[in-house]
């Protein structure tokens, strides 16, 4: 996982963090629904994916 103060998270790393969490989180497996931490990691991934397709001058 990445430190909270790291400004740029790559799309690949964000997706890897989310997938790893979903694989190993006891709560995600028990409920078959994402826990709050998984939801946060998914938002990080979505934000990184949006930033990757945004033109550089819009950042």
Protein backbone atom coordinates (compact mmCIF):
# COMPACT_ATOMS: atom_id res chain seq x y z
CA UNK A 1 0.00 0.00 0.00
CA UNK A 2 1.00 3.61 -0.46
CA UNK A 3 1.59 6.31 2.14
CA UNK A 4 -1.33 8.72 2.42
CA UNK A 5 0.82 11.72 1.46
CA UNK A 6 1.91 10.25 -1.90
CA UNK A 7 0.25 12.46 -4.54
CA UNK A 8 0.47 10.21 -7.60
CA UNK A 9 -0.75 6.63 -7.53
CA UNK A 10 -0.42 4.62 -10.71
CA UNK A 11 -3.51 2.93 -12.09
CA UNK A 12 -1.81 -0.47 -12.02
CA UNK A 13 -0.68 -0.14 -8.42
CA UNK A 14 -4.09 1.12 -7.29
CA UNK A 15 -5.78 -1.84 -8.98
CA UNK A 16 -3.27 -4.25 -7.45
CA UNK A 17 -3.88 -2.81 -3.97
CA UNK A 18 -7.66 -3.13 -4.40
CA UNK A 19 -7.47 -6.70 -5.73
CA UNK A 20 -5.07 -7.79 -2.98
CA UNK A 21 -7.33 -6.33 -0.32
CA UNK A 22 -10.40 -8.09 -1.75
CA UNK A 23 -8.45 -11.39 -1.82
CA UNK A 24 -7.26 -11.24 1.77
CA UNK A 25 -9.88 -9.23 3.67
CA UNK A 26 -11.88 -11.42 6.03
CA UNK A 27 -14.85 -9.03 6.02
CA UNK A 28 -15.03 -8.83 2.22
CA UNK A 29 -15.08 -12.63 2.01
CA UNK A 30 -17.60 -13.11 4.80
CA UNK A 31 -20.11 -10.59 3.47
CA UNK A 32 -19.43 -11.06 -0.26
CA UNK A 33 -19.63 -7.25 -0.38
CA UNK A 34 -16.81 -4.71 -0.20
CA UNK A 35 -15.90 -3.40 3.24
CA UNK A 36 -15.25 0.34 3.80
CA UNK A 37 -11.51 -0.10 3.18
CA UNK A 38 -12.21 -1.86 -0.13
CA UNK A 39 -14.57 0.95 -1.13
CA UNK A 40 -11.83 3.48 -0.38
CA UNK A 41 -9.27 1.53 -2.42
CA UNK A 42 -11.75 1.33 -5.29
CA UNK A 43 -12.18 5.12 -5.17
CA UNK A 44 -8.39 5.53 -5.25
CA UNK A 45 -8.28 3.28 -8.32
CA UNK A 46 -11.11 5.14 -10.03
CA UNK A 47 -9.46 8.51 -9.34
CA UNK A 48 -6.11 7.25 -10.69
CA UNK A 49 -7.80 5.91 -13.82
CA UNK A 50 -9.57 9.24 -14.40
CA UNK A 51 -6.33 11.17 -13.85
CA UNK A 52 -4.52 8.93 -16.33
CA UNK A 53 -6.90 9.79 -19.17
CA UNK A 54 -7.21 13.50 -18.31
CA UNK A 55 -5.04 15.78 -20.46
CA UNK A 56 -1.90 17.04 -18.62
CA UNK A 57 -3.00 20.70 -18.75
CA UNK A 58 -6.23 19.82 -16.87
CA UNK A 59 -4.33 18.43 -13.86
